[in-house]
Amino acid sequence: MTSPLELLIVLAVVAGLVLFVSAPLRRASSEAEESAGVAELEAAREAKLRELRDAELDHRTGKLSDEDYAELDSSLRAEAIEILNGLDRERERSLPSPGS
């Protein structure tokens, strides 16, 4: 017959093994979430660049006045800068820390 102390020791060892074996899986899951964030921001960056090019083309073809183009260009560039800053932050978070 096993004592409660022996059962507790066995459970502690099994829990430790489970944590040890599952560590790479937990790390991979976290890295996948981070790379998904980077991929989403990169897609937003590409979309914003297309918007900027489209606005420039519309201005050159006369569909946008100088004033409208200046206003639109300014707001699109501000949004692009926000996306780029977010991309930088996300990439910095995904870098391994110096102690790792």
PDB file of N, CA and C in Angstrom:
ATOM      1  N   MET A   1       0.832  -1.160   0.000  1.00  0.00           N
ATOM      2  CA  MET A   1       0.000   0.000   0.000  1.00  0.00           C
ATOM      3  C   MET A   1       0.892   1.244   0.000  1.00  0.00           C
ATOM      4  N   THR A   2       0.519   2.222  -0.835  1.00  0.00           N
ATOM      5  CA  THR A   2       1.342   3.425  -0.926  1.00  0.00           C
ATOM      6  C   THR A   2       0.822   4.483   0.037  1.00  0.00           C
ATOM      7  N   SER A   3       1.760   5.232   0.544  1.00  0.00           N
ATOM      8  CA  SER A   3       1.380   6.286   1.476  1.00  0.00           C
ATOM      9  C   SER A   3       1.009   7.549   0.700  1.00  0.00           C
ATOM     10  N   PRO A   4       0.288   8.455   1.307  1.00  0.00           N
ATOM     11  CA  PRO A   4      -0.074   9.714   0.649  1.00  0.00           C
ATOM     12  C   PRO A   4       1.164  10.529   0.264  1.00  0.00           C
ATOM     13  N   LEU A   5       2.224  10.413   1.044  1.00  0.00           N
ATOM     14  CA  LEU A   5       3.447  11.143   0.739  1.00  0.00           C
ATOM     15  C   LEU A   5       4.089  10.610  -0.545  1.00  0.00           C
ATOM     16  N   GLU A   6       4.122   9.293  -0.711  1.00  0.00           N
ATOM     17  CA  GLU A   6       4.677   8.699  -1.931  1.00  0.00           C
ATOM     18  C   GLU A   6       3.853   9.105  -3.152  1.00  0.00           C
ATOM     19  N   LEU A   7       2.533   9.116  -3.002  1.00  0.00           N
ATOM     20  CA  LEU A   7       1.657   9.526  -4.091  1.00  0.00           C
ATOM     21  C   LEU A   7       1.900  10.992  -4.459  1.00  0.00           C
ATOM     22  N   LEU A   8       2.075  11.826  -3.461  1.00  0.00           N
ATOM     23  CA  LEU A   8       2.351  13.244  -3.698  1.00  0.00           C
ATOM     24  C   LEU A   8       3.684  13.425  -4.418  1.00  0.00           C
ATOM     25  N   ILE A   9       4.683  12.676  -4.061  1.00  0.00           N
ATOM     26  CA  ILE A   9       5.998  12.749  -4.718  1.00  0.00           C
ATOM     27  C   ILE A   9       5.883  12.309  -6.174  1.00  0.00           C
ATOM     28  N   VAL A  10       5.180  11.238  -6.427  1.00  0.00           N
ATOM     29  CA  VAL A  10       4.996  10.749  -7.795  1.00  0.00           C
ATOM     30  C   VAL A  10       4.259  11.791  -8.631  1.00  0.00           C
ATOM     31  N   LEU A  11       3.212  12.392  -8.079  1.00  0.00           N
ATOM     32  CA  LEU A  11       2.467  13.427  -8.798  1.00  0.00           C
ATOM     33  C   LEU A  11       3.348  14.636  -9.104  1.00  0.00           C
ATOM     34  N   ALA A  12       4.195  15.026  -8.160  1.00  0.00           N
ATOM     35  CA  ALA A  12       5.093  16.163  -8.364  1.00  0.00           C
ATOM     36  C   ALA A  12       6.095  15.860  -9.473  1.00  0.00           C
ATOM     37  N   VAL A  13       6.624  14.642  -9.493  1.00  0.00           N
ATOM     38  CA  VAL A  13       7.579  14.246 -10.535  1.00  0.00           C
ATOM     39  C   VAL A  13       6.892  14.218 -11.895  1.00  0.00           C
ATOM     40  N   VAL A  14       5.691  13.677 -11.973  1.00  0.00           N
ATOM     41  CA  VAL A  14       4.953  13.624 -13.241  1.00  0.00           C
ATOM     42  C   VAL A  14       4.632  15.043 -13.721  1.00  0.00           C
ATOM     43  N   ALA A  15       4.218  15.919 -12.821  1.00  0.00           N
ATOM     44  CA  ALA A  15       3.914  17.305 -13.202  1.00  0.00           C
ATOM     45  C   ALA A  15       5.167  17.996 -13.725  1.00  0.00           C
ATOM     46  N   GLY A  16       6.297  17.768 -13.080  1.00  0.00           N
ATOM     47  CA  GLY A  16       7.567  18.342 -13.547  1.00  0.00           C
ATOM     48  C   GLY A  16       7.942  17.839 -14.931  1.00  0.00           C
ATOM     49  N   LEU A  17       7.739  16.549 -15.164  1.00  0.00           N
ATOM     50  CA  LEU A  17       8.039  15.980 -16.481  1.00  0.00           C
ATOM     51  C   LEU A  17       7.129  16.553 -17.563  1.00  0.00           C
ATOM     52  N   VAL A  18       5.862  16.713 -17.226  1.00  0.00           N
ATOM     53  CA  VAL A  18       4.914  17.281 -18.184  1.00  0.00           C
ATOM     54  C   VAL A  18       5.331  18.712 -18.542  1.00  0.00           C
ATOM     55  N   LEU A  19       5.687  19.505 -17.562  1.00  0.00           N
ATOM     56  CA  LEU A  19       6.129  20.878 -17.819  1.00  0.00           C
ATOM     57  C   LEU A  19       7.398  20.901 -18.665  1.00  0.00           C
ATOM     58  N   PHE A  20       8.333  20.013 -18.346  1.00  0.00           N
ATOM     59  CA  PHE A  20       9.591  19.961 -19.085  1.00  0.00           C
ATOM     60  C   PHE A  20       9.374  19.555 -20.538  1.00  0.00           C
ATOM     61  N   VAL A  21       8.568  18.535 -20.756  1.00  0.00           N
ATOM     62  CA  VAL A  21       8.334  18.024 -22.104  1.00  0.00           C
ATOM     63  C   VAL A  21       7.499  19.005 -22.931  1.00  0.00           C
ATOM     64  N   SER A  22       6.577  19.703 -22.301  1.00  0.00           N
ATOM     65  CA  SER A  22       5.695  20.597 -23.059  1.00  0.00           C
ATOM     66  C   SER A  22       6.288  21.999 -23.260  1.00  0.00           C
ATOM     67  N   ALA A  23       7.421  22.309 -22.669  1.00  0.00           N
ATOM     68  CA  ALA A  23       8.017  23.650 -22.790  1.00  0.00           C
ATOM     69  C   ALA A  23       8.257  24.056 -24.247  1.00  0.00           C
ATOM     70  N   PRO A  24       8.841  23.212 -25.088  1.00  0.00           N
ATOM     71  CA  PRO A  24       9.043  23.627 -26.485  1.00  0.00           C
ATOM     72  C   PRO A  24       7.723  23.891 -27.212  1.00  0.00           C
ATOM     73  N   LEU A  25       6.695  23.140 -26.884  1.00  0.00           N
ATOM     74  CA  LEU A  25       5.404  23.351 -27.523  1.00  0.00           C
ATOM     75  C   LEU A  25       4.808  24.684 -27.108  1.00  0.00           C
ATOM     76  N   ARG A  26       4.929  25.028 -25.834  1.00  0.00           N
ATOM     77  CA  ARG A  26       4.413  26.318 -25.359  1.00  0.00           C
ATOM     78  C   ARG A  26       5.190  27.463 -25.985  1.00  0.00           C
ATOM     79  N   ARG A  27       6.497  27.319 -26.126  1.00  0.00           N
ATOM     80  CA  ARG A  27       7.325  28.355 -26.722  1.00  0.00           C
ATOM     81  C   ARG A  27       6.981  28.528 -28.192  1.00  0.00           C
ATOM     82  N   ALA A  28       6.783  27.440 -28.925  1.00  0.00           N
ATOM     83  CA  ALA A  28       6.445  27.507 -30.342  1.00  0.00           C
ATOM     84  C   ALA A  28       5.100  28.193 -30.541  1.00  0.00           C
ATOM     85  N   SER A  29       4.161  27.930 -29.658  1.00  0.00           N
ATOM     86  CA  SER A  29       2.848  28.562 -29.746  1.00  0.00           C
ATOM     87  C   SER A  29       2.971  30.066 -29.556  1.00  0.00           C
ATOM     88  N   SER A  30       3.762  30.483 -28.604  1.00  0.00           N
ATOM     89  CA  SER A  30       3.955  31.908 -28.342  1.00  0.00           C
ATOM     90  C   SER A  30       4.659  32.581 -29.519  1.00  0.00           C
ATOM     91  N   GLU A  31       5.652  31.913 -30.117  1.00  0.00           N
ATOM     92  CA  GLU A  31       6.361  32.469 -31.270  1.00  0.00           C
ATOM     93  C   GLU A  31       5.431  32.574 -32.476  1.00  0.00           C
ATOM     94  N   ALA A  32       4.533  31.621 -32.640  1.00  0.00           N
ATOM     95  CA  ALA A  32       3.588  31.663 -33.765  1.00  0.00           C
ATOM     96  C   ALA A  32       2.645  32.850 -33.616  1.00  0.00           C
ATOM     97  N   GLU A  33       2.206  33.129 -32.384  1.00  0.00           N
ATOM     98  CA  GLU A  33       1.334  34.285 -32.157  1.00  0.00           C
ATOM     99  C   GLU A  33       2.064  35.582 -32.475  1.00  0.00           C
ATOM    100  N   GLU A  34       3.349  35.675 -32.077  1.00  0.00           N
ATOM    101  CA  GLU A  34       4.127  36.876 -32.345  1.00  0.00           C
ATOM    102  C   GLU A  34       4.343  37.058 -33.839  1.00  0.00           C
ATOM    103  N   SER A  35       4.653  35.966 -34.550  1.00  0.00           N
ATOM    104  CA  SER A  35       4.892  36.095 -35.988  1.00  0.00           C
ATOM    105  C   SER A  35       3.592  36.413 -36.717  1.00  0.00           C
ATOM    106  N   ALA A  36       2.454  35.996 -36.173  1.00  0.00           N
ATOM    107  CA  ALA A  36       1.169  36.352 -36.781  1.00  0.00           C
ATOM    108  C   ALA A  36       0.937  37.846 -36.651  1.00  0.00           C
ATOM    109  N   GLY A  37       1.326  38.422 -35.520  1.00  0.00           N
ATOM    110  CA  GLY A  37       1.209  39.864 -35.336  1.00  0.00           C
ATOM    111  C   GLY A  37       2.076  40.624 -36.315  1.00  0.00           C
ATOM    112  N   VAL A  38       3.296  40.146 -36.536  1.00  0.00           N
ATOM    113  CA  VAL A  38       4.201  40.776 -37.498  1.00  0.00           C
ATOM    114  C   VAL A  38       3.633  40.650 -38.903  1.00  0.00           C
ATOM    115  N   ALA A  39       3.118  39.480 -39.244  1.00  0.00           N
ATOM    116  CA  ALA A  39       2.559  39.266 -40.584  1.00  0.00           C
ATOM    117  C   ALA A  39       1.359  40.187 -40.821  1.00  0.00           C
ATOM    118  N   GLU A  40       0.530  40.361 -39.805  1.00  0.00           N
ATOM    119  CA  GLU A  40      -0.639  41.238 -39.938  1.00  0.00           C
ATOM    120  C   GLU A  40      -0.205  42.683 -40.161  1.00  0.00           C
ATOM    121  N   LEU A  41       0.810  43.126 -39.424  1.00  0.00           N
ATOM    122  CA  LEU A  41       1.297  44.495 -39.584  1.00  0.00           C
ATOM    123  C   LEU A  41       1.992  44.682 -40.932  1.00  0.00           C
ATOM    124  N   GLU A  42       2.700  43.672 -41.401  1.00  0.00           N
ATOM    125  CA  GLU A  42       3.328  43.776 -42.720  1.00  0.00           C
ATOM    126  C   GLU A  42       2.277  43.876 -43.818  1.00  0.00           C
ATOM    127  N   ALA A  43       1.185  43.143 -43.674  1.00  0.00           N
ATOM    128  CA  ALA A  43       0.095  43.240 -44.645  1.00  0.00           C
ATOM    129  C   ALA A  43      -0.535  44.629 -44.609  1.00  0.00           C
ATOM    130  N   ALA A  44      -0.685  45.183 -43.410  1.00  0.00           N
ATOM    131  CA  ALA A  44      -1.233  46.535 -43.282  1.00  0.00           C
ATOM    132  C   ALA A  44      -0.284  47.553 -43.912  1.00  0.00           C
ATOM    133  N   ARG A  45       1.014  47.338 -43.742  1.00  0.00           N
ATOM    134  CA  ARG A  45       2.006  48.239 -44.356  1.00  0.00           C
ATOM    135  C   ARG A  45       1.892  48.215 -45.869  1.00  0.00           C
ATOM    136  N   GLU A  46       1.806  47.014 -46.434  1.00  0.00           N
ATOM    137  CA  GLU A  46       1.680  46.896 -47.886  1.00  0.00           C
ATOM    138  C   GLU A  46       0.396  47.551 -48.392  1.00  0.00           C
ATOM    139  N   ALA A  47      -0.686  47.377 -47.662  1.00  0.00           N
ATOM    140  CA  ALA A  47      -1.962  47.994 -48.054  1.00  0.00           C
ATOM    141  C   ALA A  47      -1.855  49.516 -48.015  1.00  0.00           C
ATOM    142  N   LYS A  48      -1.194  50.038 -46.989  1.00  0.00           N
ATOM    143  CA  LYS A  48      -1.049  51.488 -46.866  1.00  0.00           C
ATOM    144  C   LYS A  48      -0.165  52.040 -47.982  1.00  0.00           C
ATOM    145  N   LEU A  49       0.873  51.309 -48.340  1.00  0.00           N
ATOM    146  CA  LEU A  49       1.728  51.745 -49.458  1.00  0.00           C
ATOM    147  C   LEU A  49       0.936  51.774 -50.764  1.00  0.00           C
ATOM    148  N   ARG A  50       0.057  50.794 -50.949  1.00  0.00           N
ATOM    149  CA  ARG A  50      -0.799  50.805 -52.152  1.00  0.00           C
ATOM    150  C   ARG A  50      -1.718  52.015 -52.138  1.00  0.00           C
ATOM    151  N   GLU A  51      -2.270  52.336 -50.970  1.00  0.00           N
ATOM    152  CA  GLU A  51      -3.140  53.510 -50.863  1.00  0.00           C
ATOM    153  C   GLU A  51      -2.374  54.788 -51.214  1.00  0.00           C
ATOM    154  N   LEU A  52      -1.138  54.883 -50.740  1.00  0.00           N
ATOM    155  CA  LEU A  52      -0.322  56.061 -51.050  1.00  0.00           C
ATOM    156  C   LEU A  52      -0.047  56.163 -52.555  1.00  0.00           C
ATOM    157  N   ARG A  53       0.290  55.039 -53.167  1.00  0.00           N
ATOM    158  CA  ARG A  53       0.555  55.038 -54.623  1.00  0.00           C
ATOM    159  C   ARG A  53      -0.713  55.381 -55.395  1.00  0.00           C
ATOM    160  N   ASP A  54      -1.851  54.845 -54.959  1.00  0.00           N
ATOM    161  CA  ASP A  54      -3.120  55.149 -55.638  1.00  0.00           C
ATOM    162  C   ASP A  54      -3.464  56.627 -55.523  1.00  0.00           C
ATOM    163  N   ALA A  55      -3.232  57.200 -54.345  1.00  0.00           N
ATOM    164  CA  ALA A  55      -3.518  58.622 -54.161  1.00  0.00           C
ATOM    165  C   ALA A  55      -2.610  59.462 -55.056  1.00  0.00           C
ATOM    166  N   GLU A  56      -1.346  59.072 -55.146  1.00  0.00           N
ATOM    167  CA  GLU A  56      -0.410  59.803 -56.007  1.00  0.00           C
ATOM    168  C   GLU A  56      -0.844  59.703 -57.471  1.00  0.00           C
ATOM    169  N   LEU A  57      -1.254  58.532 -57.889  1.00  0.00           N
ATOM    170  CA  LEU A  57      -1.721  58.354 -59.266  1.00  0.00           C
ATOM    171  C   LEU A  57      -2.979  59.182 -59.522  1.00  0.00           C
ATOM    172  N   ASP A  58      -3.908  59.172 -58.570  1.00  0.00           N
ATOM    173  CA  ASP A  58      -5.128  59.977 -58.715  1.00  0.00           C
ATOM    174  C   ASP A  58      -4.791  61.467 -58.821  1.00  0.00           C
ATOM    175  N   HIS A  59      -3.796  61.906 -58.079  1.00  0.00           N
ATOM    176  CA  HIS A  59      -3.393  63.311 -58.148  1.00  0.00           C
ATOM    177  C   HIS A  59      -2.781  63.628 -59.511  1.00  0.00           C
ATOM    178  N   ARG A  60      -1.909  62.748 -59.991  1.00  0.00           N
ATOM    179  CA  ARG A  60      -1.261  62.985 -61.283  1.00  0.00           C
ATOM    180  C   ARG A  60      -2.252  62.964 -62.440  1.00  0.00           C
ATOM    181  N   THR A  61      -3.288  62.161 -62.316  1.00  0.00           N
ATOM    182  CA  THR A  61      -4.271  62.082 -63.408  1.00  0.00           C
ATOM    183  C   THR A  61      -5.369  63.126 -63.270  1.00  0.00           C
ATOM    184  N   GLY A  62      -5.305  63.942 -62.223  1.00  0.00           N
ATOM    185  CA  GLY A  62      -6.268  65.014 -62.071  1.00  0.00           C
ATOM    186  C   GLY A  62      -7.525  64.646 -61.308  1.00  0.00           C
ATOM    187  N   LYS A  63      -7.589  63.460 -60.758  1.00  0.00           N
ATOM    188  CA  LYS A  63      -8.771  63.060 -59.992  1.00  0.00           C
ATOM    189  C   LYS A  63      -8.795  63.708 -58.607  1.00  0.00           C
ATOM    190  N   LEU A  64      -7.615  64.138 -58.133  1.00  0.00           N
ATOM    191  CA  LEU A  64      -7.520  64.796 -56.828  1.00  0.00           C
ATOM    192  C   LEU A  64      -6.875  66.164 -57.019  1.00  0.00           C
ATOM    193  N   SER A  65      -7.451  67.181 -56.386  1.00  0.00           N
ATOM    194  CA  SER A  65      -6.846  68.512 -56.435  1.00  0.00           C
ATOM    195  C   SER A  65      -5.582  68.514 -55.573  1.00  0.00           C
ATOM    196  N   ASP A  66      -4.780  69.562 -55.717  1.00  0.00           N
ATOM    197  CA  ASP A  66      -3.559  69.670 -54.920  1.00  0.00           C
ATOM    198  C   ASP A  66      -3.874  69.672 -53.427  1.00  0.00           C
ATOM    199  N   GLU A  67      -4.913  70.395 -53.045  1.00  0.00           N
ATOM    200  CA  GLU A  67      -5.276  70.495 -51.631  1.00  0.00           C
ATOM    201  C   GLU A  67      -5.759  69.141 -51.094  1.00  0.00           C
ATOM    202  N   ASP A  68      -6.631  68.489 -51.867  1.00  0.00           N
ATOM    203  CA  ASP A  68      -7.145  67.182 -51.439  1.00  0.00           C
ATOM    204  C   ASP A  68      -6.016  66.160 -51.350  1.00  0.00           C
ATOM    205  N   TYR A  69      -5.120  66.203 -52.329  1.00  0.00           N
ATOM    206  CA  TYR A  69      -3.997  65.268 -52.317  1.00  0.00           C
ATOM    207  C   TYR A  69      -3.110  65.506 -51.109  1.00  0.00           C
ATOM    208  N   ALA A  70      -2.810  66.768 -50.814  1.00  0.00           N
ATOM    209  CA  ALA A  70      -1.942  67.087 -49.674  1.00  0.00           C
ATOM    210  C   ALA A  70      -2.564  66.582 -48.375  1.00  0.00           C
ATOM    211  N   GLU A  71      -3.855  66.777 -48.229  1.00  0.00           N
ATOM    212  CA  GLU A  71      -4.547  66.323 -47.013  1.00  0.00           C
ATOM    213  C   GLU A  71      -4.550  64.799 -46.921  1.00  0.00           C
ATOM    214  N   LEU A  72      -4.899  64.145 -48.022  1.00  0.00           N
ATOM    215  CA  LEU A  72      -4.942  62.678 -48.039  1.00  0.00           C
ATOM    216  C   LEU A  72      -3.556  62.087 -47.834  1.00  0.00           C
ATOM    217  N   ASP A  73      -2.560  62.645 -48.509  1.00  0.00           N
ATOM    218  CA  ASP A  73      -1.189  62.149 -48.391  1.00  0.00           C
ATOM    219  C   ASP A  73      -0.699  62.271 -46.958  1.00  0.00           C
ATOM    220  N   SER A  74      -0.997  63.391 -46.333  1.00  0.00           N
ATOM    221  CA  SER A  74      -0.574  63.612 -44.951  1.00  0.00           C
ATOM    222  C   SER A  74      -1.187  62.579 -44.009  1.00  0.00           C
ATOM    223  N   SER A  75      -2.477  62.331 -44.146  1.00  0.00           N
ATOM    224  CA  SER A  75      -3.126  61.367 -43.244  1.00  0.00           C
ATOM    225  C   SER A  75      -2.662  59.938 -43.526  1.00  0.00           C
ATOM    226  N   LEU A  76      -2.476  59.591 -44.797  1.00  0.00           N
ATOM    227  CA  LEU A  76      -2.000  58.242 -45.126  1.00  0.00           C
ATOM    228  C   LEU A  76      -0.577  58.014 -44.606  1.00  0.00           C
ATOM    229  N   ARG A  77       0.260  59.030 -44.733  1.00  0.00           N
ATOM    230  CA  ARG A  77       1.638  58.900 -44.227  1.00  0.00           C
ATOM    231  C   ARG A  77       1.655  58.773 -42.703  1.00  0.00           C
ATOM    232  N   ALA A  78       0.777  59.501 -42.016  1.00  0.00           N
ATOM    233  CA  ALA A  78       0.698  59.378 -40.554  1.00  0.00           C
ATOM    234  C   ALA A  78       0.269  57.962 -40.155  1.00  0.00           C
ATOM    235  N   GLU A  79      -0.701  57.409 -40.889  1.00  0.00           N
ATOM    236  CA  GLU A  79      -1.138  56.034 -40.610  1.00  0.00           C
ATOM    237  C   GLU A  79      -0.020  55.042 -40.910  1.00  0.00           C
ATOM    238  N   ALA A  80       0.723  55.287 -41.985  1.00  0.00           N
ATOM    239  CA  ALA A  80       1.836  54.399 -42.336  1.00  0.00           C
ATOM    240  C   ALA A  80       2.903  54.429 -41.255  1.00  0.00           C
ATOM    241  N   ILE A  81       3.179  55.601 -40.710  1.00  0.00           N
ATOM    242  CA  ILE A  81       4.175  55.715 -39.638  1.00  0.00           C
ATOM    243  C   ILE A  81       3.722  54.941 -38.404  1.00  0.00           C
ATOM    244  N   GLU A  82       2.451  55.015 -38.072  1.00  0.00           N
ATOM    245  CA  GLU A  82       1.925  54.243 -36.933  1.00  0.00           C
ATOM    246  C   GLU A  82       2.113  52.750 -37.164  1.00  0.00           C
ATOM    247  N   ILE A  83       1.846  52.306 -38.378  1.00  0.00           N
ATOM    248  CA  ILE A  83       2.009  50.882 -38.703  1.00  0.00           C
ATOM    249  C   ILE A  83       3.473  50.483 -38.583  1.00  0.00           C
ATOM    250  N   LEU A  84       4.363  51.309 -39.125  1.00  0.00           N
ATOM    251  CA  LEU A  84       5.802  51.003 -39.068  1.00  0.00           C
ATOM    252  C   LEU A  84       6.300  50.980 -37.621  1.00  0.00           C
ATOM    253  N   ASN A  85       5.828  51.907 -36.806  1.00  0.00           N
ATOM    254  CA  ASN A  85       6.210  51.892 -35.387  1.00  0.00           C
ATOM    255  C   ASN A  85       5.706  50.631 -34.695  1.00  0.00           C
ATOM    256  N   GLY A  86       4.486  50.232 -35.000  1.00  0.00           N
ATOM    257  CA  GLY A  86       3.950  48.995 -34.440  1.00  0.00           C
ATOM    258  C   GLY A  86       4.737  47.786 -34.892  1.00  0.00           C
ATOM    259  N   LEU A  87       5.148  47.799 -36.140  1.00  0.00           N
ATOM    260  CA  LEU A  87       5.962  46.699 -36.679  1.00  0.00           C
ATOM    261  C   LEU A  87       7.305  46.637 -35.967  1.00  0.00           C
ATOM    262  N   ASP A  88       7.932  47.787 -35.742  1.00  0.00           N
ATOM    263  CA  ASP A  88       9.198  47.818 -35.000  1.00  0.00           C
ATOM    264  C   ASP A  88       9.024  47.276 -33.590  1.00  0.00           C
ATOM    265  N   ARG A  89       7.957  47.712 -32.904  1.00  0.00           N
ATOM    266  CA  ARG A  89       7.710  47.216 -31.539  1.00  0.00           C
ATOM    267  C   ARG A  89       7.494  45.708 -31.527  1.00  0.00           C
ATOM    268  N   GLU A  90       6.722  45.216 -32.491  1.00  0.00           N
ATOM    269  CA  GLU A  90       6.427  43.775 -32.543  1.00  0.00           C
ATOM    270  C   GLU A  90       7.703  42.977 -32.821  1.00  0.00           C
ATOM    271  N   ARG A  91       8.539  43.481 -33.696  1.00  0.00           N
ATOM    272  CA  ARG A  91       9.799  42.784 -34.003  1.00  0.00           C
ATOM    273  C   ARG A  91      10.750  42.822 -32.817  1.00  0.00           C
ATOM    274  N   GLU A  92      10.786  43.933 -32.094  1.00  0.00           N
ATOM    275  CA  GLU A  92      11.636  44.009 -30.905  1.00  0.00           C
ATOM    276  C   GLU A  92      11.184  43.022 -29.844  1.00  0.00           C
ATOM    277  N   ARG A  93       9.868  42.871 -29.691  1.00  0.00           N
ATOM    278  CA  ARG A  93       9.348  41.906 -28.712  1.00  0.00           C
ATOM    279  C   ARG A  93       9.694  40.479 -29.091  1.00  0.00           C
ATOM    280  N   SER A  94       9.788  40.199 -30.384  1.00  0.00           N
ATOM    281  CA  SER A  94      10.028  38.829 -30.820  1.00  0.00           C
ATOM    282  C   SER A  94      11.513  38.474 -30.785  1.00  0.00           C
ATOM    283  N   LEU A  95      12.390  39.481 -30.597  1.00  0.00           N
ATOM    284  CA  LEU A  95      13.807  39.186 -30.487  1.00  0.00           C
ATOM    285  C   LEU A  95      14.087  38.514 -29.151  1.00  0.00           C
ATOM    286  N   PRO A  96      15.033  37.567 -29.136  1.00  0.00           N
ATOM    287  CA  PRO A  96      15.352  36.919 -27.858  1.00  0.00           C
ATOM    288  C   PRO A  96      16.008  37.939 -26.924  1.00  0.00           C
ATOM    289  N   SER A  97      15.687  37.842 -25.643  1.00  0.00           N
ATOM    290  CA  SER A  97      16.282  38.740 -24.671  1.00  0.00           C
ATOM    291  C   SER A  97      17.755  38.379 -24.487  1.00  0.00           C
ATOM    292  N   PRO A  98      18.610  39.323 -24.071  1.00  0.00           N
ATOM    293  CA  PRO A  98      20.047  39.065 -23.958  1.00  0.00           C
ATOM    294  C   PRO A  98      20.384  37.921 -23.010  1.00  0.00           C
ATOM    295  N   GLY A  99      19.571  37.683 -21.993  1.00  0.00           N
ATOM    296  CA  GLY A  99      19.850  36.605 -21.041  1.00  0.00           C
ATOM    297  C   GLY A  99      19.399  35.231 -21.515  1.00  0.00           C
ATOM    298  N   SER A 100      18.693  35.133 -22.665  1.00  0.00           N
ATOM    299  CA  SER A 100      18.140  33.848 -23.104  1.00  0.00           C
ATOM    300  C   SER A 100      19.149  33.032 -23.830  1.00  0.00           C
TER     301      SER A 100
END
